[in-house]
Amino acid sequence: MPRLHLSLTVKDLDRSVGFYTRLFKAEPVVLESDYAKWSLDAPSVNFSISSRGENYGVDHVGLEAGSEDELAELRERLVAADQPIFDQECTTCCYAKSKKAWVRDPDGVAWETFFSHGRSAEYGDGTLDEARLAGKTKSACCAPA
């Protein structure tokens, strides 16, 4: 089966290699002075598109857990990645009821770890709309500002 490819441009390769090595709990398979690549079998991909955001391109990336235990393990990876974490214990976002933890990589890309435990007829719990009205987000999703 084909593997999804996602490429990001980063400011500090060494710092980002450290971050992603801890987040993925895997060493890169290619590491050069200007490039690093991880070939991961897990996680599989959850890909979505939205017309709600104001900045086109990558809005955020994430890791979807299959259980609350797996989410707890993913959160520990965020702790190891040594960036501030924003937890959402119970939220409605992207038509799902979820438990989430967010972090930003060294270049500010939002990473979401989440476990969804139900569908919702609403896109979100209102947090995104309130933040957008206050001019605090241009995100399509419920990523923290």
N, C-alpha and C. Protein backbone atom coordinates (compact mmCIF):
# COMPACT_ATOMS: atom_id res chain seq x y z
N MET A 1 0.85 -1.17 0.00
CA MET A 1 0.00 0.00 0.00
C MET A 1 0.90 1.24 0.00
N PRO A 2 0.53 2.27 -0.76
CA PRO A 2 1.34 3.51 -0.77
C PRO A 2 1.38 4.17 0.60
N ARG A 3 2.45 4.86 0.86
CA ARG A 3 2.63 5.55 2.14
C ARG A 3 2.44 7.05 1.89
N LEU A 4 1.67 7.72 2.72
CA LEU A 4 1.51 9.17 2.62
C LEU A 4 2.84 9.86 2.86
N HIS A 5 3.17 10.84 2.07
CA HIS A 5 4.39 11.63 2.25
C HIS A 5 3.99 13.04 2.67
N LEU A 6 4.56 13.51 3.73
CA LEU A 6 4.34 14.87 4.21
C LEU A 6 5.71 15.48 4.43
N SER A 7 5.98 16.61 3.79
CA SER A 7 7.29 17.26 3.90
C SER A 7 7.11 18.66 4.49
N LEU A 8 7.91 18.97 5.48
CA LEU A 8 7.88 20.28 6.12
C LEU A 8 9.23 20.94 5.95
N THR A 9 9.26 22.24 5.79
CA THR A 9 10.50 23.01 5.81
C THR A 9 10.70 23.51 7.23
N VAL A 10 11.89 23.32 7.79
CA VAL A 10 12.17 23.70 9.17
C VAL A 10 13.33 24.68 9.23
N LYS A 11 13.40 25.45 10.31
CA LYS A 11 14.48 26.42 10.50
C LYS A 11 15.75 25.78 11.02
N ASP A 12 15.64 24.88 11.99
CA ASP A 12 16.78 24.28 12.67
C ASP A 12 16.67 22.76 12.56
N LEU A 13 17.41 22.17 11.62
CA LEU A 13 17.29 20.75 11.35
C LEU A 13 17.60 19.91 12.59
N ASP A 14 18.69 20.21 13.27
CA ASP A 14 19.06 19.41 14.44
C ASP A 14 17.98 19.41 15.50
N ARG A 15 17.44 20.59 15.80
CA ARG A 15 16.39 20.70 16.81
C ARG A 15 15.15 19.92 16.37
N SER A 16 14.80 20.05 15.10
CA SER A 16 13.62 19.35 14.59
C SER A 16 13.84 17.85 14.54
N VAL A 17 15.04 17.39 14.18
CA VAL A 17 15.32 15.95 14.20
C VAL A 17 15.12 15.41 15.62
N GLY A 18 15.60 16.13 16.61
CA GLY A 18 15.41 15.70 17.99
C GLY A 18 13.94 15.62 18.36
N PHE A 19 13.17 16.65 17.99
CA PHE A 19 11.75 16.68 18.28
C PHE A 19 11.03 15.50 17.65
N TYR A 20 11.22 15.31 16.34
CA TYR A 20 10.49 14.25 15.64
C TYR A 20 10.97 12.85 16.03
N THR A 21 12.23 12.69 16.35
CA THR A 21 12.71 11.39 16.82
C THR A 21 12.00 10.99 18.11
N ARG A 22 11.83 11.96 19.02
CA ARG A 22 11.12 11.68 20.27
C ARG A 22 9.62 11.49 20.03
N LEU A 23 9.03 12.33 19.18
CA LEU A 23 7.60 12.23 18.92
C LEU A 23 7.25 10.90 18.27
N PHE A 24 8.03 10.48 17.26
CA PHE A 24 7.74 9.23 16.56
C PHE A 24 8.31 8.01 17.28
N LYS A 25 9.17 8.25 18.27
CA LYS A 25 9.84 7.16 18.99
C LYS A 25 10.59 6.27 17.99
N ALA A 26 11.29 6.94 17.05
CA ALA A 26 12.04 6.25 16.00
C ALA A 26 13.13 7.16 15.45
N GLU A 27 14.24 6.56 15.09
CA GLU A 27 15.33 7.32 14.48
C GLU A 27 15.04 7.53 12.99
N PRO A 28 15.56 8.60 12.40
CA PRO A 28 15.39 8.77 10.95
C PRO A 28 16.13 7.68 10.18
N VAL A 29 15.58 7.29 9.02
CA VAL A 29 16.24 6.30 8.18
C VAL A 29 17.23 6.97 7.23
N VAL A 30 17.07 8.26 7.02
CA VAL A 30 18.01 9.06 6.24
C VAL A 30 18.29 10.32 7.06
N LEU A 31 19.56 10.62 7.25
CA LEU A 31 19.94 11.83 7.97
C LEU A 31 21.15 12.46 7.29
N GLU A 32 20.93 13.63 6.70
CA GLU A 32 21.98 14.39 6.02
C GLU A 32 22.06 15.76 6.68
N SER A 33 22.99 16.58 6.28
CA SER A 33 23.15 17.89 6.89
C SER A 33 21.96 18.82 6.64
N ASP A 34 21.19 18.53 5.60
CA ASP A 34 20.05 19.39 5.27
C ASP A 34 18.74 18.64 5.10
N TYR A 35 18.71 17.38 5.54
CA TYR A 35 17.54 16.55 5.26
C TYR A 35 17.47 15.38 6.24
N ALA A 36 16.24 15.03 6.64
CA ALA A 36 16.01 13.83 7.43
C ALA A 36 14.69 13.21 7.00
N LYS A 37 14.63 11.88 7.05
CA LYS A 37 13.41 11.18 6.65
C LYS A 37 13.15 10.02 7.59
N TRP A 38 11.89 9.87 7.98
CA TRP A 38 11.42 8.73 8.76
C TRP A 38 10.46 7.95 7.87
N SER A 39 10.61 6.65 7.80
CA SER A 39 9.67 5.77 7.10
C SER A 39 8.92 4.99 8.17
N LEU A 40 7.71 5.42 8.46
CA LEU A 40 6.94 4.87 9.57
C LEU A 40 5.85 3.93 9.09
N ASP A 41 5.74 2.79 9.73
CA ASP A 41 4.62 1.88 9.46
C ASP A 41 3.42 2.25 10.31
N ALA A 42 3.68 2.88 11.43
CA ALA A 42 2.60 3.33 12.31
C ALA A 42 2.97 4.71 12.80
N PRO A 43 2.09 5.64 12.79
CA PRO A 43 0.65 5.49 12.63
C PRO A 43 0.23 5.44 11.17
N SER A 44 -0.96 4.87 10.95
CA SER A 44 -1.57 4.98 9.64
C SER A 44 -2.12 6.40 9.53
N VAL A 45 -2.69 6.76 8.41
CA VAL A 45 -3.01 8.16 8.16
C VAL A 45 -4.50 8.46 8.27
N ASN A 46 -4.82 9.54 8.93
CA ASN A 46 -6.14 10.14 8.94
C ASN A 46 -5.97 11.48 8.23
N PHE A 47 -6.46 11.61 7.02
CA PHE A 47 -6.28 12.82 6.20
C PHE A 47 -7.61 13.52 6.06
N SER A 48 -7.63 14.82 6.30
CA SER A 48 -8.87 15.57 6.16
C SER A 48 -8.60 16.90 5.47
N ILE A 49 -9.65 17.45 4.88
CA ILE A 49 -9.58 18.79 4.29
C ILE A 49 -10.73 19.60 4.86
N SER A 50 -10.55 20.92 4.89
CA SER A 50 -11.58 21.81 5.43
C SER A 50 -11.50 23.14 4.71
N SER A 51 -12.62 23.77 4.51
CA SER A 51 -12.64 25.12 3.92
C SER A 51 -12.82 26.18 4.99
N ARG A 52 -12.64 25.83 6.27
CA ARG A 52 -12.89 26.75 7.37
C ARG A 52 -11.72 27.66 7.71
N GLY A 53 -10.53 27.29 7.34
CA GLY A 53 -9.36 28.07 7.72
C GLY A 53 -9.10 29.25 6.80
N GLU A 54 -8.18 30.12 7.23
CA GLU A 54 -7.82 31.29 6.44
C GLU A 54 -6.44 31.18 5.81
N ASN A 55 -5.61 30.28 6.32
CA ASN A 55 -4.27 30.05 5.76
C ASN A 55 -4.29 28.73 5.02
N TYR A 56 -4.10 28.77 3.70
CA TYR A 56 -4.16 27.55 2.91
C TYR A 56 -2.85 26.78 3.01
N GLY A 57 -2.90 25.48 2.97
CA GLY A 57 -1.73 24.62 3.11
C GLY A 57 -1.89 23.75 4.34
N VAL A 58 -0.80 23.36 4.92
CA VAL A 58 -0.86 22.50 6.11
C VAL A 58 -1.43 23.30 7.27
N ASP A 59 -2.54 22.85 7.81
CA ASP A 59 -3.15 23.50 8.96
C ASP A 59 -2.55 22.94 10.25
N HIS A 60 -2.50 21.63 10.34
CA HIS A 60 -1.88 20.94 11.46
C HIS A 60 -1.67 19.50 11.05
N VAL A 61 -0.92 18.79 11.81
CA VAL A 61 -0.73 17.37 11.60
C VAL A 61 -0.99 16.67 12.91
N GLY A 62 -1.20 15.36 12.86
CA GLY A 62 -1.51 14.72 14.12
C GLY A 62 -1.39 13.22 14.10
N LEU A 63 -1.60 12.66 15.27
CA LEU A 63 -1.58 11.22 15.49
C LEU A 63 -2.89 10.83 16.17
N GLU A 64 -3.64 9.95 15.51
CA GLU A 64 -4.93 9.52 16.06
C GLU A 64 -4.74 8.22 16.83
N ALA A 65 -5.15 8.23 18.08
CA ALA A 65 -5.06 7.04 18.93
C ALA A 65 -6.29 6.17 18.74
N GLY A 66 -6.11 4.86 18.92
CA GLY A 66 -7.22 3.94 18.83
C GLY A 66 -7.90 3.67 20.16
N SER A 67 -7.31 4.18 21.24
CA SER A 67 -7.88 3.99 22.58
C SER A 67 -7.35 5.09 23.50
N GLU A 68 -7.96 5.22 24.66
CA GLU A 68 -7.46 6.19 25.64
C GLU A 68 -6.08 5.81 26.15
N ASP A 69 -5.81 4.50 26.28
CA ASP A 69 -4.48 4.07 26.70
C ASP A 69 -3.43 4.48 25.68
N GLU A 70 -3.75 4.29 24.40
CA GLU A 70 -2.81 4.69 23.34
C GLU A 70 -2.63 6.21 23.34
N LEU A 71 -3.70 6.95 23.60
CA LEU A 71 -3.58 8.41 23.69
C LEU A 71 -2.65 8.80 24.84
N ALA A 72 -2.76 8.12 25.95
CA ALA A 72 -1.87 8.41 27.09
C ALA A 72 -0.42 8.17 26.71
N GLU A 73 -0.15 7.11 25.94
CA GLU A 73 1.21 6.83 25.49
C GLU A 73 1.69 7.92 24.53
N LEU A 74 0.81 8.37 23.64
CA LEU A 74 1.17 9.45 22.72
C LEU A 74 1.45 10.75 23.48
N ARG A 75 0.68 11.01 24.52
CA ARG A 75 0.92 12.21 25.32
C ARG A 75 2.29 12.15 25.98
N GLU A 76 2.70 10.98 26.41
CA GLU A 76 4.04 10.84 26.99
C GLU A 76 5.12 11.17 25.95
N ARG A 77 4.86 10.85 24.69
CA ARG A 77 5.80 11.24 23.63
C ARG A 77 5.87 12.76 23.51
N LEU A 78 4.72 13.42 23.69
CA LEU A 78 4.71 14.88 23.64
C LEU A 78 5.54 15.44 24.80
N VAL A 79 5.41 14.85 25.96
CA VAL A 79 6.20 15.28 27.11
C VAL A 79 7.69 15.12 26.79
N ALA A 80 8.06 13.98 26.20
CA ALA A 80 9.46 13.73 25.84
C ALA A 80 9.96 14.69 24.77
N ALA A 81 9.05 15.19 23.93
CA ALA A 81 9.44 16.12 22.87
C ALA A 81 9.76 17.51 23.42
N ASP A 82 9.49 17.74 24.70
CA ASP A 82 9.94 18.93 25.41
C ASP A 82 9.43 20.25 24.82
N GLN A 83 8.11 20.28 24.56
CA GLN A 83 7.45 21.50 24.12
C GLN A 83 6.20 21.68 24.99
N PRO A 84 5.73 22.91 25.16
CA PRO A 84 4.50 23.12 25.96
C PRO A 84 3.32 22.34 25.37
N ILE A 85 2.54 21.73 26.24
CA ILE A 85 1.40 20.90 25.83
C ILE A 85 0.11 21.60 26.22
N PHE A 86 -0.88 21.55 25.33
CA PHE A 86 -2.22 22.07 25.60
C PHE A 86 -3.18 20.88 25.57
N ASP A 87 -3.76 20.55 26.72
CA ASP A 87 -4.67 19.41 26.82
C ASP A 87 -6.11 19.87 26.65
N GLN A 88 -6.89 19.06 25.96
CA GLN A 88 -8.33 19.24 25.85
C GLN A 88 -8.95 17.91 26.28
N GLU A 89 -9.41 17.87 27.52
CA GLU A 89 -9.93 16.62 28.09
C GLU A 89 -11.23 16.16 27.44
N CYS A 90 -12.07 17.11 27.05
CA CYS A 90 -13.35 16.76 26.44
C CYS A 90 -13.72 17.90 25.50
N THR A 91 -13.63 17.66 24.20
CA THR A 91 -13.90 18.71 23.24
C THR A 91 -14.70 18.16 22.07
N THR A 92 -15.37 19.05 21.39
CA THR A 92 -16.05 18.71 20.14
C THR A 92 -15.36 19.51 19.05
N CYS A 93 -14.81 18.80 18.08
CA CYS A 93 -14.09 19.44 16.99
C CYS A 93 -14.15 18.53 15.77
N CYS A 94 -14.30 19.13 14.60
CA CYS A 94 -14.31 18.37 13.34
C CYS A 94 -15.37 17.27 13.36
N TYR A 95 -16.54 17.60 13.90
CA TYR A 95 -17.68 16.70 13.95
C TYR A 95 -17.43 15.45 14.78
N ALA A 96 -16.56 15.56 15.77
CA ALA A 96 -16.27 14.43 16.64
C ALA A 96 -16.10 14.89 18.08
N LYS A 97 -16.44 14.01 19.00
CA LYS A 97 -16.18 14.24 20.43
C LYS A 97 -14.86 13.56 20.72
N SER A 98 -13.92 14.33 21.27
CA SER A 98 -12.56 13.81 21.41
C SER A 98 -11.90 14.27 22.69
N LYS A 99 -10.85 13.55 23.02
CA LYS A 99 -9.90 13.93 24.05
C LYS A 99 -8.60 14.19 23.30
N LYS A 100 -7.92 15.32 23.59
CA LYS A 100 -6.77 15.72 22.79
C LYS A 100 -5.64 16.27 23.64
N ALA A 101 -4.47 16.23 23.05
CA ALA A 101 -3.31 16.96 23.57
C ALA A 101 -2.60 17.55 22.36
N TRP A 102 -2.26 18.82 22.45
CA TRP A 102 -1.62 19.54 21.35
C TRP A 102 -0.22 19.99 21.75
N VAL A 103 0.64 20.10 20.77
CA VAL A 103 1.98 20.65 20.95
C VAL A 103 2.36 21.33 19.64
N ARG A 104 3.27 22.26 19.70
CA ARG A 104 3.83 22.87 18.48
C ARG A 104 5.28 22.43 18.35
N ASP A 105 5.67 22.09 17.13
CA ASP A 105 7.06 21.68 16.92
C ASP A 105 7.96 22.92 17.00
N PRO A 106 9.27 22.77 16.89
CA PRO A 106 10.17 23.92 17.03
C PRO A 106 9.91 25.06 16.05
N ASP A 107 9.22 24.78 14.94
CA ASP A 107 8.91 25.84 13.98
C ASP A 107 7.47 26.30 14.04
N GLY A 108 6.72 25.86 15.04
CA GLY A 108 5.36 26.35 15.24
C GLY A 108 4.26 25.53 14.60
N VAL A 109 4.58 24.39 13.95
CA VAL A 109 3.56 23.55 13.35
C VAL A 109 2.77 22.87 14.47
N ALA A 110 1.46 22.97 14.43
CA ALA A 110 0.60 22.36 15.44
C ALA A 110 0.50 20.86 15.22
N TRP A 111 0.77 20.09 16.29
CA TRP A 111 0.62 18.63 16.28
C TRP A 111 -0.47 18.27 17.27
N GLU A 112 -1.44 17.49 16.81
CA GLU A 112 -2.58 17.07 17.60
C GLU A 112 -2.48 15.58 17.87
N THR A 113 -2.62 15.17 19.10
CA THR A 113 -2.83 13.76 19.42
C THR A 113 -4.24 13.67 19.96
N PHE A 114 -4.99 12.67 19.51
CA PHE A 114 -6.40 12.64 19.91
C PHE A 114 -6.98 11.24 19.87
N PHE A 115 -8.02 11.07 20.67
CA PHE A 115 -8.85 9.87 20.65
C PHE A 115 -10.28 10.34 20.53
N SER A 116 -10.95 9.95 19.44
CA SER A 116 -12.35 10.32 19.24
C SER A 116 -13.23 9.21 19.76
N HIS A 117 -14.25 9.60 20.52
CA HIS A 117 -15.15 8.62 21.13
C HIS A 117 -16.60 8.86 20.78
N GLY A 118 -16.83 9.52 19.68
CA GLY A 118 -18.20 9.72 19.23
C GLY A 118 -18.30 10.80 18.17
N ARG A 119 -19.35 10.72 17.37
CA ARG A 119 -19.61 11.72 16.35
C ARG A 119 -20.39 12.88 16.96
N SER A 120 -20.37 14.00 16.26
CA SER A 120 -21.14 15.17 16.66
C SER A 120 -21.78 15.78 15.42
N ALA A 121 -22.97 16.32 15.57
CA ALA A 121 -23.62 17.02 14.46
C ALA A 121 -23.03 18.42 14.29
N GLU A 122 -22.30 18.89 15.30
CA GLU A 122 -21.68 20.21 15.28
C GLU A 122 -20.22 20.09 14.86
N TYR A 123 -19.71 21.10 14.14
CA TYR A 123 -18.30 21.10 13.78
C TYR A 123 -17.42 21.18 15.02
N GLY A 124 -17.79 22.12 15.92
CA GLY A 124 -16.98 22.31 17.12
C GLY A 124 -17.82 22.73 18.30
N ASP A 125 -17.15 22.93 19.42
CA ASP A 125 -17.85 23.31 20.65
C ASP A 125 -17.97 24.82 20.80
N GLY A 126 -17.64 25.57 19.75
CA GLY A 126 -17.74 27.03 19.80
C GLY A 126 -16.42 27.71 20.08
N THR A 127 -15.45 26.98 20.59
CA THR A 127 -14.15 27.57 20.92
C THR A 127 -13.48 28.17 19.70
N LEU A 128 -13.50 27.44 18.58
CA LEU A 128 -12.87 27.92 17.36
C LEU A 128 -13.55 29.19 16.87
N ASP A 129 -14.89 29.21 16.85
CA ASP A 129 -15.61 30.38 16.38
C ASP A 129 -15.34 31.60 17.26
N GLU A 130 -15.31 31.41 18.58
CA GLU A 130 -15.00 32.51 19.50
C GLU A 130 -13.59 33.04 19.26
N ALA A 131 -12.63 32.14 19.08
CA ALA A 131 -11.24 32.54 18.85
C ALA A 131 -11.12 33.27 17.51
N ARG A 132 -11.81 32.78 16.48
CA ARG A 132 -11.74 33.44 15.17
C ARG A 132 -12.34 34.84 15.26
N LEU A 133 -13.47 35.00 15.95
CA LEU A 133 -14.10 36.32 16.10
C LEU A 133 -13.18 37.28 16.85
N ALA A 134 -12.41 36.76 17.78
CA ALA A 134 -11.48 37.59 18.55
C ALA A 134 -10.17 37.82 17.79
N GLY A 135 -10.05 37.25 16.58
CA GLY A 135 -8.83 37.42 15.79
C GLY A 135 -7.65 36.62 16.31
N LYS A 136 -7.91 35.56 17.08
CA LYS A 136 -6.83 34.80 17.69
C LYS A 136 -6.43 33.55 16.90
N THR A 137 -7.17 33.16 15.86
CA THR A 137 -6.81 31.98 15.10
C THR A 137 -7.21 32.12 13.64
N LYS A 138 -6.45 31.51 12.78
CA LYS A 138 -6.79 31.40 11.37
C LYS A 138 -6.85 29.92 11.00
N SER A 139 -6.86 29.07 12.03
CA SER A 139 -6.84 27.63 11.86
C SER A 139 -8.20 27.11 11.41
N ALA A 140 -8.19 26.04 10.65
CA ALA A 140 -9.43 25.38 10.25
C ALA A 140 -9.94 24.46 11.34
N CYS A 141 -9.06 24.04 12.21
CA CYS A 141 -9.40 23.07 13.24
C CYS A 141 -9.40 23.77 14.60
N CYS A 142 -9.44 23.01 15.64
CA CYS A 142 -9.52 23.54 16.99
C CYS A 142 -8.16 23.65 17.65
N ALA A 143 -7.13 23.86 16.84
CA ALA A 143 -5.77 23.99 17.39
C ALA A 143 -5.69 25.23 18.27
N PRO A 144 -5.00 25.13 19.38
CA PRO A 144 -4.84 26.32 20.24
C PRO A 144 -4.00 27.38 19.55
N ALA A 145 -4.29 28.62 19.87
CA ALA A 145 -3.56 29.75 19.25
C ALA A 145 -2.12 29.77 19.72
